[in-house]
């Protein structure tokens, strides 16, 4: 079993790289994660706060990894 870790990405990021990092972790298209996060933000009103928390807590993925 591979040892996967959740990181923010630097290359291809739109705001802070949180959605791109989540998409990379689950091996899916980042656009799907971004649209899902936008829907959650609009209808549940917790998406923006969750994004800020993730941007502060998640480490940045180094290019060497």
PDB file of N, CA and C in Angstrom:
ATOM      1  N   UNK A   1       0.849  -1.179   0.000  1.00  0.00           N
ATOM      2  CA  UNK A   1       0.000   0.000   0.000  1.00  0.00           C
ATOM      3  C   UNK A   1       0.892   1.239   0.000  1.00  0.00           C
ATOM      4  N   UNK A   2       0.567   2.172  -0.869  1.00  0.00           N
ATOM      5  CA  UNK A   2       1.398   3.373  -0.955  1.00  0.00           C
ATOM      6  C   UNK A   2       1.048   4.350   0.170  1.00  0.00           C
ATOM      7  N   UNK A   3       2.035   5.099   0.586  1.00  0.00           N
ATOM      8  CA  UNK A   3       1.873   6.063   1.669  1.00  0.00           C
ATOM      9  C   UNK A   3       1.500   7.417   1.061  1.00  0.00           C
ATOM     10  N   UNK A   4       0.204   7.734   1.022  1.00  0.00           N
ATOM     11  CA  UNK A   4      -0.264   8.987   0.435  1.00  0.00           C
ATOM     12  C   UNK A   4      -0.440  10.033   1.532  1.00  0.00           C
ATOM     13  N   UNK A   5      -0.108  11.280   1.189  1.00  0.00           N
ATOM     14  CA  UNK A   5      -0.298  12.395   2.109  1.00  0.00           C
ATOM     15  C   UNK A   5      -1.035  13.505   1.385  1.00  0.00           C
ATOM     16  N   UNK A   6      -1.773  14.283   2.132  1.00  0.00           N
ATOM     17  CA  UNK A   6      -2.561  15.369   1.586  1.00  0.00           C
ATOM     18  C   UNK A   6      -1.745  16.656   1.647  1.00  0.00           C
ATOM     19  N   UNK A   7      -1.522  17.274   0.476  1.00  0.00           N
ATOM     20  CA  UNK A   7      -0.738  18.500   0.365  1.00  0.00           C
ATOM     21  C   UNK A   7      -1.490  19.529  -0.470  1.00  0.00           C
ATOM     22  N   UNK A   8      -1.141  20.797  -0.281  1.00  0.00           N
ATOM     23  CA  UNK A   8      -1.543  21.845  -1.215  1.00  0.00           C
ATOM     24  C   UNK A   8      -0.538  21.811  -2.351  1.00  0.00           C
ATOM     25  N   UNK A   9      -0.987  22.119  -3.558  1.00  0.00           N
ATOM     26  CA  UNK A   9      -0.072  22.115  -4.695  1.00  0.00           C
ATOM     27  C   UNK A   9       0.320  23.540  -5.062  1.00  0.00           C
ATOM     28  N   UNK A  10       1.468  23.683  -5.658  1.00  0.00           N
ATOM     29  CA  UNK A  10       1.940  24.987  -6.141  1.00  0.00           C
ATOM     30  C   UNK A  10       1.724  25.123  -7.639  1.00  0.00           C
ATOM     31  N   UNK A  11       1.957  24.047  -8.366  1.00  0.00           N
ATOM     32  CA  UNK A  11       1.837  24.097  -9.817  1.00  0.00           C
ATOM     33  C   UNK A  11       0.398  23.792 -10.221  1.00  0.00           C
ATOM     34  N   UNK A  12      -0.236  24.718 -10.922  1.00  0.00           N
ATOM     35  CA  UNK A  12      -1.606  24.545 -11.366  1.00  0.00           C
ATOM     36  C   UNK A  12      -2.646  25.019 -10.382  1.00  0.00           C
ATOM     37  N   UNK A  13      -2.226  25.729  -9.356  1.00  0.00           N
ATOM     38  CA  UNK A  13      -3.190  26.189  -8.358  1.00  0.00           C
ATOM     39  C   UNK A  13      -3.970  27.393  -8.874  1.00  0.00           C
ATOM     40  N   UNK A  14      -5.172  27.585  -8.357  1.00  0.00           N
ATOM     41  CA  UNK A  14      -6.004  28.725  -8.722  1.00  0.00           C
ATOM     42  C   UNK A  14      -5.993  29.771  -7.607  1.00  0.00           C
ATOM     43  N   UNK A  15      -6.191  29.357  -6.365  1.00  0.00           N
ATOM     44  CA  UNK A  15      -6.164  30.299  -5.237  1.00  0.00           C
ATOM     45  C   UNK A  15      -5.017  29.914  -4.304  1.00  0.00           C
ATOM     46  N   UNK A  16      -5.209  28.867  -3.534  1.00  0.00           N
ATOM     47  CA  UNK A  16      -4.152  28.414  -2.620  1.00  0.00           C
ATOM     48  C   UNK A  16      -3.659  27.006  -2.915  1.00  0.00           C
ATOM     49  N   UNK A  17      -4.304  26.305  -3.820  1.00  0.00           N
ATOM     50  CA  UNK A  17      -3.882  24.958  -4.178  1.00  0.00           C
ATOM     51  C   UNK A  17      -4.548  23.855  -3.391  1.00  0.00           C
ATOM     52  N   UNK A  18      -5.556  24.193  -2.595  1.00  0.00           N
ATOM     53  CA  UNK A  18      -6.225  23.196  -1.762  1.00  0.00           C
ATOM     54  C   UNK A  18      -7.002  22.199  -2.621  1.00  0.00           C
ATOM     55  N   UNK A  19      -7.832  22.679  -3.521  1.00  0.00           N
ATOM     56  CA  UNK A  19      -8.639  21.781  -4.363  1.00  0.00           C
ATOM     57  C   UNK A  19      -7.757  20.923  -5.264  1.00  0.00           C
ATOM     58  N   UNK A  20      -6.696  21.500  -5.785  1.00  0.00           N
ATOM     59  CA  UNK A  20      -5.764  20.735  -6.604  1.00  0.00           C
ATOM     60  C   UNK A  20      -5.085  19.632  -5.815  1.00  0.00           C
ATOM     61  N   UNK A  21      -4.743  19.926  -4.573  1.00  0.00           N
ATOM     62  CA  UNK A  21      -4.132  18.918  -3.710  1.00  0.00           C
ATOM     63  C   UNK A  21      -5.082  17.794  -3.363  1.00  0.00           C
ATOM     64  N   UNK A  22      -6.343  18.144  -3.102  1.00  0.00           N
ATOM     65  CA  UNK A  22      -7.348  17.128  -2.809  1.00  0.00           C
ATOM     66  C   UNK A  22      -7.596  16.266  -4.038  1.00  0.00           C
ATOM     67  N   UNK A  23      -7.659  16.893  -5.202  1.00  0.00           N
ATOM     68  CA  UNK A  23      -7.860  16.139  -6.443  1.00  0.00           C
ATOM     69  C   UNK A  23      -6.686  15.206  -6.717  1.00  0.00           C
ATOM     70  N   UNK A  24      -5.483  15.660  -6.459  1.00  0.00           N
ATOM     71  CA  UNK A  24      -4.306  14.814  -6.653  1.00  0.00           C
ATOM     72  C   UNK A  24      -4.321  13.636  -5.691  1.00  0.00           C
ATOM     73  N   UNK A  25      -4.745  13.870  -4.460  1.00  0.00           N
ATOM     74  CA  UNK A  25      -4.805  12.809  -3.447  1.00  0.00           C
ATOM     75  C   UNK A  25      -5.776  11.705  -3.867  1.00  0.00           C
ATOM     76  N   UNK A  26      -6.956  12.094  -4.377  1.00  0.00           N
ATOM     77  CA  UNK A  26      -7.966  11.122  -4.776  1.00  0.00           C
ATOM     78  C   UNK A  26      -7.854  10.717  -6.246  1.00  0.00           C
ATOM     79  N   UNK A  27      -6.867  11.273  -6.959  1.00  0.00           N
ATOM     80  CA  UNK A  27      -6.606  10.945  -8.361  1.00  0.00           C
ATOM     81  C   UNK A  27      -7.823  11.225  -9.247  1.00  0.00           C
ATOM     82  N   UNK A  28      -8.388  12.440  -9.105  1.00  0.00           N
ATOM     83  CA  UNK A  28      -9.513  12.872  -9.926  1.00  0.00           C
ATOM     84  C   UNK A  28      -9.195  14.239 -10.515  1.00  0.00           C
ATOM     85  N   UNK A  29     -10.042  14.708 -11.403  1.00  0.00           N
ATOM     86  CA  UNK A  29      -9.856  15.991 -12.063  1.00  0.00           C
ATOM     87  C   UNK A  29     -10.068  17.136 -11.065  1.00  0.00           C
ATOM     88  N   UNK A  30      -9.155  18.106 -11.008  1.00  0.00           N
ATOM     89  CA  UNK A  30      -9.306  19.226 -10.075  1.00  0.00           C
ATOM     90  C   UNK A  30     -10.565  20.058 -10.312  1.00  0.00           C
ATOM     91  N   UNK A  31     -11.053  20.086 -11.543  1.00  0.00           N
ATOM     92  CA  UNK A  31     -12.266  20.849 -11.837  1.00  0.00           C
ATOM     93  C   UNK A  31     -13.466  20.278 -11.093  1.00  0.00           C
ATOM     94  N   UNK A  32     -13.525  18.975 -10.964  1.00  0.00           N
ATOM     95  CA  UNK A  32     -14.620  18.332 -10.230  1.00  0.00           C
ATOM     96  C   UNK A  32     -14.588  18.760  -8.766  1.00  0.00           C
ATOM     97  N   UNK A  33     -13.410  18.794  -8.177  1.00  0.00           N
ATOM     98  CA  UNK A  33     -13.278  19.205  -6.782  1.00  0.00           C
ATOM     99  C   UNK A  33     -13.640  20.678  -6.625  1.00  0.00           C
ATOM    100  N   UNK A  34     -13.196  21.522  -7.548  1.00  0.00           N
ATOM    101  CA  UNK A  34     -13.497  22.957  -7.467  1.00  0.00           C
ATOM    102  C   UNK A  34     -14.995  23.227  -7.591  1.00  0.00           C
ATOM    103  N   UNK A  35     -15.657  22.541  -8.520  1.00  0.00           N
ATOM    104  CA  UNK A  35     -17.102  22.719  -8.675  1.00  0.00           C
ATOM    105  C   UNK A  35     -17.840  22.203  -7.439  1.00  0.00           C
ATOM    106  N   UNK A  36     -17.429  21.069  -6.935  1.00  0.00           N
ATOM    107  CA  UNK A  36     -18.044  20.532  -5.715  1.00  0.00           C
ATOM    108  C   UNK A  36     -17.873  21.470  -4.537  1.00  0.00           C
ATOM    109  N   UNK A  37     -16.684  22.044  -4.407  1.00  0.00           N
ATOM    110  CA  UNK A  37     -16.422  22.973  -3.309  1.00  0.00           C
ATOM    111  C   UNK A  37     -17.269  24.242  -3.469  1.00  0.00           C
ATOM    112  N   UNK A  38     -17.446  24.709  -4.693  1.00  0.00           N
ATOM    113  CA  UNK A  38     -18.280  25.893  -4.937  1.00  0.00           C
ATOM    114  C   UNK A  38     -19.735  25.621  -4.578  1.00  0.00           C
ATOM    115  N   UNK A  39     -20.232  24.439  -4.929  1.00  0.00           N
ATOM    116  CA  UNK A  39     -21.607  24.080  -4.595  1.00  0.00           C
ATOM    117  C   UNK A  39     -21.793  24.011  -3.081  1.00  0.00           C
ATOM    118  N   UNK A  40     -20.855  23.394  -2.398  1.00  0.00           N
ATOM    119  CA  UNK A  40     -20.926  23.325  -0.934  1.00  0.00           C
ATOM    120  C   UNK A  40     -20.873  24.728  -0.331  1.00  0.00           C
ATOM    121  N   UNK A  41     -20.053  25.589  -0.890  1.00  0.00           N
ATOM    122  CA  UNK A  41     -19.940  26.956  -0.380  1.00  0.00           C
ATOM    123  C   UNK A  41     -21.245  27.723  -0.533  1.00  0.00           C
ATOM    124  N   UNK A  42     -21.919  27.541  -1.652  1.00  0.00           N
ATOM    125  CA  UNK A  42     -23.154  28.285  -1.915  1.00  0.00           C
ATOM    126  C   UNK A  42     -24.312  27.753  -1.069  1.00  0.00           C
ATOM    127  N   UNK A  43     -24.458  26.439  -0.996  1.00  0.00           N
ATOM    128  CA  UNK A  43     -25.638  25.875  -0.358  1.00  0.00           C
ATOM    129  C   UNK A  43     -25.478  25.575   1.126  1.00  0.00           C
ATOM    130  N   UNK A  44     -24.279  25.315   1.589  1.00  0.00           N
ATOM    131  CA  UNK A  44     -24.095  24.960   2.999  1.00  0.00           C
ATOM    132  C   UNK A  44     -23.366  26.032   3.802  1.00  0.00           C
ATOM    133  N   UNK A  45     -22.821  27.022   3.136  1.00  0.00           N
ATOM    134  CA  UNK A  45     -22.183  28.177   3.782  1.00  0.00           C
ATOM    135  C   UNK A  45     -21.008  27.816   4.694  1.00  0.00           C
ATOM    136  N   UNK A  46     -20.387  26.685   4.481  1.00  0.00           N
ATOM    137  CA  UNK A  46     -19.203  26.327   5.261  1.00  0.00           C
ATOM    138  C   UNK A  46     -17.978  26.151   4.384  1.00  0.00           C
ATOM    139  N   UNK A  47     -18.155  26.188   3.073  1.00  0.00           N
ATOM    140  CA  UNK A  47     -17.063  25.916   2.144  1.00  0.00           C
ATOM    141  C   UNK A  47     -15.939  26.931   2.210  1.00  0.00           C
ATOM    142  N   UNK A  48     -16.277  28.209   2.343  1.00  0.00           N
ATOM    143  CA  UNK A  48     -15.242  29.249   2.383  1.00  0.00           C
ATOM    144  C   UNK A  48     -14.418  29.135   3.655  1.00  0.00           C
ATOM    145  N   UNK A  49     -15.081  28.931   4.775  1.00  0.00           N
ATOM    146  CA  UNK A  49     -14.361  28.771   6.041  1.00  0.00           C
ATOM    147  C   UNK A  49     -13.500  27.510   6.017  1.00  0.00           C
ATOM    148  N   UNK A  50     -14.048  26.423   5.477  1.00  0.00           N
ATOM    149  CA  UNK A  50     -13.288  25.173   5.382  1.00  0.00           C
ATOM    150  C   UNK A  50     -12.071  25.340   4.471  1.00  0.00           C
ATOM    151  N   UNK A  51     -12.223  26.093   3.374  1.00  0.00           N
ATOM    152  CA  UNK A  51     -11.103  26.324   2.464  1.00  0.00           C
ATOM    153  C   UNK A  51      -9.996  27.103   3.165  1.00  0.00           C
ATOM    154  N   UNK A  52     -10.368  28.123   3.918  1.00  0.00           N
ATOM    155  CA  UNK A  52      -9.372  28.925   4.642  1.00  0.00           C
ATOM    156  C   UNK A  52      -8.642  28.068   5.666  1.00  0.00           C
ATOM    157  N   UNK A  53      -9.379  27.234   6.388  1.00  0.00           N
ATOM    158  CA  UNK A  53      -8.753  26.353   7.378  1.00  0.00           C
ATOM    159  C   UNK A  53      -7.803  25.380   6.690  1.00  0.00           C
ATOM    160  N   UNK A  54      -8.233  24.791   5.583  1.00  0.00           N
ATOM    161  CA  UNK A  54      -7.371  23.859   4.849  1.00  0.00           C
ATOM    162  C   UNK A  54      -6.123  24.560   4.315  1.00  0.00           C
ATOM    163  N   UNK A  55      -6.286  25.785   3.821  1.00  0.00           N
ATOM    164  CA  UNK A  55      -5.139  26.529   3.295  1.00  0.00           C
ATOM    165  C   UNK A  55      -4.121  26.821   4.389  1.00  0.00           C
ATOM    166  N   UNK A  56      -4.572  26.995   5.608  1.00  0.00           N
ATOM    167  CA  UNK A  56      -3.666  27.274   6.716  1.00  0.00           C
ATOM    168  C   UNK A  56      -3.036  26.009   7.297  1.00  0.00           C
ATOM    169  N   UNK A  57      -3.764  24.896   7.256  1.00  0.00           N
ATOM    170  CA  UNK A  57      -3.318  23.671   7.923  1.00  0.00           C
ATOM    171  C   UNK A  57      -2.518  22.749   7.003  1.00  0.00           C
ATOM    172  N   UNK A  58      -2.930  22.637   5.744  1.00  0.00           N
ATOM    173  CA  UNK A  58      -2.277  21.699   4.822  1.00  0.00           C
ATOM    174  C   UNK A  58      -0.888  22.205   4.427  1.00  0.00           C
ATOM    175  N   UNK A  59       0.120  21.332   4.479  1.00  0.00           N
ATOM    176  CA  UNK A  59       1.452  21.744   4.043  1.00  0.00           C
ATOM    177  C   UNK A  59       1.533  21.838   2.521  1.00  0.00           C
ATOM    178  N   UNK A  60       2.485  22.617   2.032  1.00  0.00           N
ATOM    179  CA  UNK A  60       2.702  22.768   0.592  1.00  0.00           C
ATOM    180  C   UNK A  60       3.568  21.615   0.107  1.00  0.00           C
ATOM    181  N   UNK A  61       3.188  21.046  -1.034  1.00  0.00           N
ATOM    182  CA  UNK A  61       3.962  19.953  -1.620  1.00  0.00           C
ATOM    183  C   UNK A  61       5.200  20.525  -2.289  1.00  0.00           C
ATOM    184  N   UNK A  62       6.350  20.006  -1.952  1.00  0.00           N
ATOM    185  CA  UNK A  62       7.607  20.411  -2.571  1.00  0.00           C
ATOM    186  C   UNK A  62       7.717  19.810  -3.963  1.00  0.00           C
ATOM    187  N   UNK A  63       8.460  20.453  -4.835  1.00  0.00           N
ATOM    188  CA  UNK A  63       8.670  19.959  -6.195  1.00  0.00           C
ATOM    189  C   UNK A  63       9.433  18.627  -6.189  1.00  0.00           C
ATOM    190  N   UNK A  64      10.223  18.349  -5.178  1.00  0.00           N
ATOM    191  CA  UNK A  64      11.050  17.155  -5.141  1.00  0.00           C
ATOM    192  C   UNK A  64      10.267  15.919  -4.730  1.00  0.00           C
ATOM    193  N   UNK A  65       9.038  16.067  -4.237  1.00  0.00           N
ATOM    194  CA  UNK A  65       8.267  14.930  -3.752  1.00  0.00           C
ATOM    195  C   UNK A  65       7.666  14.155  -4.876  1.00  0.00           C
TER     196      UNK A  65
END
